C-alpha atoms as a PDB file:
ATOM      1  CA  MET A   1     117.749 127.905 125.577  1.00  0.00           C
ATOM      2  CA  PRO A   2     114.262 127.479 124.062  1.00  0.00           C
ATOM      3  CA  GLU A   3     112.739 124.054 123.638  1.00  0.00           C
ATOM      4  CA  LYS A   4     113.391 122.512 120.220  1.00  0.00           C
ATOM      5  CA  LEU A   5     110.231 122.295 118.097  1.00  0.00           C
ATOM      6  CA  ILE A   6     111.722 120.779 114.919  1.00  0.00           C
ATOM      7  CA  TYR A   7     114.076 117.810 114.609  1.00  0.00           C
ATOM      8  CA  THR A   8     116.444 116.873 111.825  1.00  0.00           C
ATOM      9  CA  PRO A   9     116.585 113.267 110.586  1.00  0.00           C
ATOM     10  CA  GLU A  10     119.883 112.893 112.468  1.00  0.00           C
ATOM     11  CA  GLU A  11     118.319 114.046 115.743  1.00  0.00           C
ATOM     12  CA  THR A  12     115.313 111.821 115.095  1.00  0.00           C
ATOM     13  CA  ALA A  13     117.560 108.794 114.536  1.00  0.00           C
ATOM     14  CA  THR A  14     119.303 109.492 117.859  1.00  0.00           C
ATOM     15  CA  LEU A  15     116.014 109.961 119.712  1.00  0.00           C
ATOM     16  CA  LEU A  16     114.547 106.741 118.296  1.00  0.00           C
ATOM     17  CA  GLY A  17     117.750 104.705 118.563  1.00  0.00           C
ATOM     18  CA  MET A  18     117.596 103.874 114.841  1.00  0.00           C
ATOM     19  CA  GLY A  19     120.116 104.129 112.099  1.00  0.00           C
ATOM     20  CA  MET A  20     120.028 106.947 109.600  1.00  0.00           C
ATOM     21  CA  ASN A  21     119.136 104.659 106.691  1.00  0.00           C
ATOM     22  CA  LYS A  22     116.060 103.400 108.534  1.00  0.00           C
ATOM     23  CA  VAL A  23     114.918 106.911 109.432  1.00  0.00           C
ATOM     24  CA  TYR A  24     115.305 108.096 105.840  1.00  0.00           C
ATOM     25  CA  GLU A  25     113.446 105.009 104.631  1.00  0.00           C
ATOM     26  CA  LEU A  26     110.548 105.712 107.006  1.00  0.00           C
ATOM     27  CA  LEU A  27     110.554 109.386 105.970  1.00  0.00           C
ATOM     28  CA  ALA A  28     110.425 108.441 102.272  1.00  0.00           C
ATOM     29  CA  LEU A  29     107.526 106.056 102.954  1.00  0.00           C
ATOM     30  CA  GLY A  30     105.700 108.775 104.829  1.00  0.00           C
ATOM     31  CA  ALA A  31     105.683 106.656 108.016  1.00  0.00           C
ATOM     32  CA  ILE A  32     107.423 109.377 110.040  1.00  0.00           C
ATOM     33  CA  PRO A  33     105.528 112.653 109.679  1.00  0.00           C
ATOM     34  CA  ALA A  34     107.692 115.380 108.237  1.00  0.00           C
ATOM     35  CA  LYS A  35     107.756 118.441 106.045  1.00  0.00           C
ATOM     36  CA  LYS A  36     110.182 118.582 103.170  1.00  0.00           C
ATOM     37  CA  LEU A  37     111.827 121.889 102.390  1.00  0.00           C
ATOM     38  CA  GLY A  38     113.782 121.407  99.182  1.00  0.00           C
ATOM     39  CA  ARG A  39     115.944 118.389  99.920  1.00  0.00           C
ATOM     40  CA  LYS A  40     115.786 118.804 103.676  1.00  0.00           C
ATOM     41  CA  TYR A  41     113.362 116.982 105.998  1.00  0.00           C
ATOM     42  CA  LEU A  42     111.967 118.797 109.006  1.00  0.00           C
ATOM     43  CA  ILE A  43     110.268 116.667 111.646  1.00  0.00           C
ATOM     44  CA  PRO A  44     107.953 118.620 113.948  1.00  0.00           C
ATOM     45  CA  LYS A  45     108.298 117.545 117.586  1.00  0.00           C
ATOM     46  CA  HIS A  46     104.534 117.352 118.178  1.00  0.00           C
ATOM     47  CA  ALA A  47     104.004 115.201 115.055  1.00  0.00           C
ATOM     48  CA  LEU A  48     106.836 112.840 116.068  1.00  0.00           C
ATOM     49  CA  GLU A  49     105.372 112.495 119.556  1.00  0.00           C
ATOM     50  CA  GLN A  50     101.908 111.843 118.179  1.00  0.00           C
ATOM     51  CA  TRP A  51     103.365 109.255 115.765  1.00  0.00           C
ATOM     52  CA  LEU A  52     105.164 107.499 118.613  1.00  0.00           C
ATOM     53  CA  ASN A  53     101.970 107.404 120.696  1.00  0.00           C
ATOM     54  CA  ASN A  54     100.079 105.595 117.915  1.00  0.00           C
ATOM     55  CA  SER A  55      99.997 101.857 117.828  1.00  0.00           C
ATOM     56  CA  PRO A  56     103.140 100.319 116.281  1.00  0.00           C
ATOM     57  CA  LYS A  57     101.202  99.140 113.220  1.00  0.00           C
ATOM     58  CA  GLU A  58      99.801 102.626 112.551  1.00  0.00           C
ATOM     59  CA  ALA A  59     103.300 104.066 112.992  1.00  0.00           C
ATOM     60  CA  GLY A  60     104.748 101.663 110.391  1.00  0.00           C
ATOM     61  CA  LEU A  61     106.744  99.823 113.044  1.00  0.00           C
ATOM     62  CA  ASP A  62     104.955  96.504 113.123  1.00  0.00           C
ATOM     63  CA  GLN A  63     107.274  93.475 113.080  1.00  0.00           C
ATOM     64  CA  GLU A  64     106.260  92.444 109.535  1.00  0.00           C
ATOM     65  CA  ASN A  65     107.188  95.854 108.034  1.00  0.00           C
ATOM     66  CA  ILE A  66     110.462  96.017 109.919  1.00  0.00           C
ATOM     67  CA  LEU A  67     111.532  92.553 108.788  1.00  0.00           C
ATOM     68  CA  LYS A  68     110.554  93.259 105.143  1.00  0.00           C
ATOM     69  CA  SER A  69     112.635  96.426 105.057  1.00  0.00           C
ATOM     70  CA  GLU A  70     115.695  94.743 106.575  1.00  0.00           C
ATOM     71  CA  THR A  71     115.934  92.080 103.846  1.00  0.00           C
END
């Protein structure tokens, strides 16, 4: 089976250990890099890996942003 190059939001949530609401929130904010095709988000594997390798603040995952979005 070929290596997967595109993830769905559901697969991304599983990979990141996050809930679906949080993933969709980060997608809507543009924090997680994605392409939108109609109503569907497509998350390229290379872009997700690059995003994860950035500092937490650049990736939108700094403690302050996480706490704000949970309230």
